[in-house]
Amino acid sequence: MPPITLAAIYRTLAAHFGPPHEWWPIFGDDPAFEQILGAVLVQQTRWEAVEQAILRLQQAGLLAPAALARADAEQVALLLRPVAFYRQKAPGSIAISAYLCERYGGDAHALLAQQPTADLRRELLALPRIGNETADVILLYAGGHAVFVVDDYTRRLMGRVNPAPAFNWEKAKYDYVRDHIERELAPLVEAGSAAITLYADYHALINEQCVRYCTATRPRCDGPPARRVYSLQEGRNSYLDRHDGCPLRDVCAWYQARGAEAHSAQRKI
């Protein structure tokens, strides 16, 4: 069986989970800053915990660059708890806010409007608590820059489905994986798909697939999918509208390699 293409994986996931919809929950009046902050806080953390932390910052009057830049790190850390590494993310968030105030007058949009994208990415990477994945999340979702986000879900799913057998999805360097995906998706962009919309939707679908079916342990290849509520906001709490098995199992190299006996045992779990 020839390996499936990245474009075919996208079409399969989109057919299963449905058309794209705007997801990122926004609670304050500065979406760009809130998305920058959320991208930092969500590192190694479930979104549900991030959402609660953002709401606590809002209630404390700290969901704005000027206010957060002047805040006490210990106070912010307590508001962020139980976000992972909250004691490190608190001073990092304060420093990012201070940078926005000093360099851009507290205007996150002014930062994100910088061109070219490569220069803005380097600027983001120079800030505390921002690595490759976080920078690209900010670029794509908050800034509207056409960059594909590579996260652990991406590496897990592609490593199992194996659309490029000679490619080491788990160990390849971040930029190498991102550039490979963007090259492979170029025909879809050339055929009329807006790159920003395509990348955001594909990233969301990969995350949904890995939360529902392609879990780190005991994958639910034959269903039912895991259930999870993401957000307090109506319409953004779930992508799930199907209750059958993984839409990629028929083309998944990992699934095929395990064989019928293993899948039969899995269904009994």
Protein backbone atom coordinates (compact mmCIF):
# COMPACT_ATOMS: atom_id res chain seq x y z
CA MET A 1 0.00 0.00 0.00
CA PRO A 2 1.58 3.32 -1.04
CA PRO A 3 1.90 5.94 1.72
CA ILE A 4 -0.92 8.44 2.01
CA THR A 5 -0.15 12.08 1.20
CA LEU A 6 -0.43 14.93 3.68
CA ALA A 7 -3.13 16.46 1.50
CA ALA A 8 -5.13 13.22 1.62
CA ILE A 9 -4.77 13.06 5.41
CA TYR A 10 -6.16 16.58 5.62
CA ARG A 11 -9.13 15.77 3.41
CA THR A 12 -9.87 12.61 5.40
CA LEU A 13 -9.80 14.42 8.74
CA ALA A 14 -11.88 17.31 7.40
CA ALA A 15 -14.51 14.89 6.08
CA HIS A 16 -14.66 13.16 9.46
CA PHE A 17 -14.69 16.14 11.81
CA GLY A 18 -16.49 18.62 9.61
CA PRO A 19 -15.73 22.07 8.19
CA PRO A 20 -13.36 24.46 9.95
CA HIS A 21 -14.67 26.74 12.65
CA GLU A 22 -12.99 29.50 14.60
CA TRP A 23 -11.96 28.07 17.93
CA TRP A 24 -9.66 30.19 20.07
CA PRO A 25 -11.76 31.42 23.04
CA ILE A 26 -11.28 35.12 23.79
CA PHE A 27 -12.51 36.62 27.07
CA GLY A 28 -10.99 40.10 27.13
CA ASP A 29 -10.89 43.07 24.76
CA ASP A 30 -7.36 42.49 23.39
CA PRO A 31 -7.47 39.25 21.36
CA ALA A 32 -3.90 39.52 20.05
CA PHE A 33 -2.37 39.89 23.50
CA GLU A 34 -4.62 37.19 24.93
CA GLN A 35 -3.52 34.78 22.21
CA ILE A 36 0.16 35.54 22.83
CA LEU A 37 -0.36 34.92 26.53
CA GLY A 38 -2.40 31.78 25.89
CA ALA A 39 0.27 30.39 23.57
CA VAL A 40 2.84 30.73 26.34
CA LEU A 41 0.64 29.31 29.09
CA VAL A 42 -0.55 26.28 27.11
CA GLN A 43 2.94 24.79 26.87
CA GLN A 44 2.66 21.27 28.39
CA THR A 45 -0.74 22.24 29.78
CA ARG A 46 -4.33 21.41 28.91
CA TRP A 47 -6.26 24.34 27.50
CA GLU A 48 -8.88 24.01 30.23
CA ALA A 49 -6.29 25.06 32.85
CA VAL A 50 -5.08 27.92 30.64
CA GLU A 51 -8.61 29.22 30.23
CA GLN A 52 -9.15 29.27 33.98
CA ALA A 53 -5.85 31.11 34.48
CA ILE A 54 -6.76 33.72 31.88
CA LEU A 55 -10.12 34.26 33.54
CA ARG A 56 -8.40 34.74 36.91
CA LEU A 57 -6.01 37.27 35.36
CA GLN A 58 -9.00 39.09 33.90
CA GLN A 59 -10.79 39.16 37.25
CA ALA A 60 -7.62 40.55 38.84
CA GLY A 61 -7.42 43.31 36.21
CA LEU A 62 -4.20 41.92 34.74
CA LEU A 63 -5.34 40.81 31.28
CA ALA A 64 -3.63 43.73 29.54
CA PRO A 65 0.04 44.38 28.75
CA ALA A 66 0.36 47.55 30.85
CA ALA A 67 -1.22 45.97 33.92
CA LEU A 68 0.60 42.66 33.65
CA ALA A 69 3.95 44.39 33.06
CA ARG A 70 3.66 46.08 36.47
CA ALA A 71 2.33 43.03 38.34
CA ASP A 72 4.08 41.16 41.12
CA ALA A 73 5.49 37.85 39.89
CA GLU A 74 4.35 35.94 42.97
CA GLN A 75 0.79 37.25 42.58
CA VAL A 76 0.75 36.29 38.90
CA ALA A 77 2.16 32.83 39.68
CA LEU A 78 -0.67 32.15 42.13
CA LEU A 79 -3.20 33.21 39.50
CA LEU A 80 -1.62 30.93 36.89
CA ARG A 81 -1.54 27.84 39.09
CA PRO A 82 -2.05 24.92 38.18
CA VAL A 83 -0.69 25.76 34.70
CA ALA A 84 2.52 23.77 34.21
CA PHE A 85 5.67 25.69 35.19
CA TYR A 86 3.51 28.52 36.50
CA ARG A 87 6.38 29.93 38.57
CA GLN A 88 8.52 30.25 35.44
CA LYS A 89 5.69 31.38 33.18
CA ALA A 90 4.69 34.20 35.54
CA PRO A 91 7.91 36.25 35.18
CA GLY A 92 8.07 35.27 31.52
CA SER A 93 4.57 36.64 30.89
CA ILE A 94 5.45 39.81 32.80
CA ALA A 95 8.62 40.27 30.72
CA ILE A 96 6.73 39.78 27.45
CA SER A 97 4.16 42.35 28.57
CA ALA A 98 6.91 44.79 29.51
CA TYR A 99 8.52 44.31 26.10
CA LEU A 100 5.22 45.06 24.37
CA CYS A 101 4.84 48.23 26.41
CA GLU A 102 8.40 49.44 25.93
CA ARG A 103 8.73 48.62 22.22
CA TYR A 104 5.15 48.89 20.92
CA GLY A 105 3.27 50.99 23.43
CA GLY A 106 1.41 47.92 24.67
CA ASP A 107 -0.03 47.22 21.21
CA ALA A 108 0.28 43.51 20.43
CA HIS A 109 -1.13 44.10 16.94
CA ALA A 110 1.79 46.42 16.15
CA LEU A 111 4.22 43.66 17.07
CA LEU A 112 2.40 41.03 15.02
CA ALA A 113 2.13 43.27 11.97
CA GLN A 114 5.90 43.26 11.52
CA GLN A 115 7.18 41.94 8.18
CA PRO A 116 8.74 39.83 6.89
CA THR A 117 7.50 36.88 8.89
CA ALA A 118 11.02 35.48 9.36
CA ASP A 119 12.15 38.68 11.09
CA LEU A 120 9.10 38.70 13.35
CA ARG A 121 9.70 35.05 14.21
CA ARG A 122 13.25 35.85 15.30
CA GLU A 123 11.93 38.70 17.42
CA LEU A 124 9.43 36.39 19.12
CA LEU A 125 12.07 33.72 19.71
CA ALA A 126 14.19 36.29 21.55
CA LEU A 127 11.45 36.72 24.16
CA PRO A 128 11.30 34.56 27.30
CA ARG A 129 9.20 31.37 27.30
CA ILE A 130 8.82 31.43 23.50
CA GLY A 131 10.29 28.57 21.49
CA ASN A 132 9.68 27.36 17.95
CA GLU A 133 6.21 25.92 18.44
CA THR A 134 4.97 28.82 20.58
CA ALA A 135 6.34 31.36 18.11
CA ASP A 136 4.52 29.68 15.24
CA VAL A 137 1.27 29.44 17.21
CA ILE A 138 1.48 33.19 17.81
CA LEU A 139 2.37 33.90 14.18
CA LEU A 140 -0.46 31.80 12.76
CA TYR A 141 -3.33 32.40 15.15
CA ALA A 142 -2.64 35.85 16.57
CA GLY A 143 -0.73 37.38 13.67
CA GLY A 144 -2.28 35.73 10.62
CA HIS A 145 1.09 34.67 9.19
CA ALA A 146 1.18 31.57 6.98
CA VAL A 147 3.31 29.18 9.04
CA PHE A 148 2.45 25.60 9.96
CA VAL A 149 2.57 24.74 13.66
CA VAL A 150 4.42 21.54 14.51
CA ASP A 151 3.55 20.12 17.91
CA ASP A 152 3.83 16.75 19.63
CA TYR A 153 0.46 15.74 18.18
CA THR A 154 1.77 16.39 14.68
CA ARG A 155 4.83 14.24 15.25
CA ARG A 156 2.78 11.46 16.86
CA LEU A 157 0.11 11.29 14.18
CA MET A 158 2.48 11.53 11.22
CA GLY A 159 4.87 9.08 12.83
CA ARG A 160 2.06 6.52 13.06
CA VAL A 161 0.31 7.11 9.75
CA ASN A 162 3.76 7.47 8.15
CA PRO A 163 3.02 9.48 4.98
CA ALA A 164 6.77 9.77 4.31
CA PRO A 165 8.46 6.46 5.26
CA ALA A 166 11.97 7.87 4.93
CA PHE A 167 11.15 10.79 7.24
CA ASN A 168 11.75 10.57 10.99
CA TRP A 169 8.77 12.52 12.28
CA GLU A 170 9.59 12.06 15.95
CA LYS A 171 13.24 13.15 15.86
CA ALA A 172 13.60 15.51 12.89
CA LYS A 173 14.39 19.12 13.76
CA TYR A 174 11.41 21.44 14.13
CA ASP A 175 12.12 23.68 11.13
CA TYR A 176 12.76 20.64 8.94
CA VAL A 177 9.38 19.12 9.79
CA ARG A 178 7.56 22.42 9.29
CA ASP A 179 9.23 23.12 5.95
CA HIS A 180 8.48 19.57 4.77
CA ILE A 181 4.78 19.92 5.62
CA GLU A 182 4.50 23.32 3.97
CA ARG A 183 6.12 21.99 0.79
CA GLU A 184 3.79 19.00 0.72
CA LEU A 185 0.74 21.23 1.18
CA ALA A 186 1.83 23.70 -1.51
CA PRO A 187 -0.41 22.07 -4.18
CA LEU A 188 -3.48 22.70 -2.02
CA VAL A 189 -2.48 26.34 -1.61
CA GLU A 190 -1.84 26.66 -5.34
CA ALA A 191 -5.25 25.10 -6.01
CA GLY A 192 -6.95 27.91 -4.14
CA SER A 193 -6.81 27.09 -0.42
CA ALA A 194 -5.78 30.09 1.67
CA ALA A 195 -2.56 29.05 3.40
CA ILE A 196 -3.44 30.65 6.74
CA THR A 197 -6.87 29.00 6.87
CA LEU A 198 -5.48 25.67 5.68
CA TYR A 199 -2.65 25.59 8.21
CA ALA A 200 -4.89 26.60 11.12
CA ASP A 201 -7.56 24.07 10.21
CA TYR A 202 -5.08 21.25 9.62
CA HIS A 203 -3.38 21.93 12.95
CA ALA A 204 -6.75 21.92 14.72
CA LEU A 205 -7.77 18.67 13.01
CA ILE A 206 -4.50 16.98 13.99
CA ASN A 207 -5.02 18.02 17.60
CA GLU A 208 -8.60 16.79 17.52
CA GLN A 209 -7.52 13.47 16.01
CA CYS A 210 -4.88 12.93 18.68
CA VAL A 211 -7.16 13.89 21.56
CA ARG A 212 -10.01 11.69 20.33
CA TYR A 213 -8.34 8.70 18.67
CA CYS A 214 -4.55 8.78 18.29
CA THR A 215 -3.80 9.06 22.00
CA ALA A 216 -0.31 8.57 23.39
CA THR A 217 -1.28 5.35 25.19
CA ARG A 218 -4.09 2.95 24.29
CA PRO A 219 -5.05 4.62 20.99
CA ARG A 220 -8.75 4.35 20.20
CA CYS A 221 -8.29 3.18 16.61
CA ASP A 222 -11.59 1.32 16.50
CA GLY A 223 -13.47 3.78 18.68
CA PRO A 224 -15.25 5.06 20.53
CA PRO A 225 -13.41 8.39 20.59
CA ALA A 226 -12.38 9.96 23.87
CA ARG A 227 -14.60 12.79 24.99
CA ARG A 228 -13.23 16.10 26.18
CA VAL A 229 -14.69 19.56 26.69
CA TYR A 230 -12.21 22.28 25.78
CA SER A 231 -13.81 25.58 26.63
CA LEU A 232 -16.53 27.31 28.59
CA GLN A 233 -17.57 29.18 25.45
CA GLU A 234 -20.59 27.81 23.61
CA GLY A 235 -19.66 26.41 20.20
CA ARG A 236 -15.97 26.13 21.06
CA ASN A 237 -16.15 23.30 23.54
CA SER A 238 -15.76 20.41 21.09
CA TYR A 239 -15.09 19.47 17.50
CA LEU A 240 -16.60 16.04 17.99
CA ASP A 241 -19.60 15.10 15.88
CA ARG A 242 -18.73 11.47 15.11
CA HIS A 243 -18.73 8.38 17.28
CA ASP A 244 -17.12 5.71 15.08
CA GLY A 245 -13.49 4.64 14.72
CA CYS A 246 -10.41 6.56 13.67
CA PRO A 247 -10.85 7.95 10.14
CA LEU A 248 -7.23 7.15 9.27
CA ARG A 249 -7.03 3.55 10.44
CA ASP A 250 -7.35 2.07 6.92
CA VAL A 251 -4.27 4.00 5.76
CA CYS A 252 -2.34 4.08 9.04
CA ALA A 253 0.94 2.15 8.91
CA TRP A 254 0.95 1.74 12.70
CA TYR A 255 -2.60 0.34 12.72
CA GLN A 256 -1.91 -2.07 9.88
CA ALA A 257 1.31 -3.29 11.48
CA ARG A 258 -0.43 -4.24 14.72
CA GLY A 259 -2.81 -6.69 13.06
CA ALA A 260 -6.33 -7.85 13.77
CA GLU A 261 -5.49 -9.67 17.01
CA ALA A 262 -4.16 -6.53 18.70
CA HIS A 263 -7.14 -4.47 17.60
CA SER A 264 -9.54 -7.11 18.87
CA ALA A 265 -7.84 -6.92 22.26
CA GLN A 266 -7.99 -3.13 22.17
CA ARG A 267 -11.75 -3.14 21.67
CA LYS A 268 -12.11 -5.15 24.89
CA ILE A 269 -10.26 -2.55 26.97
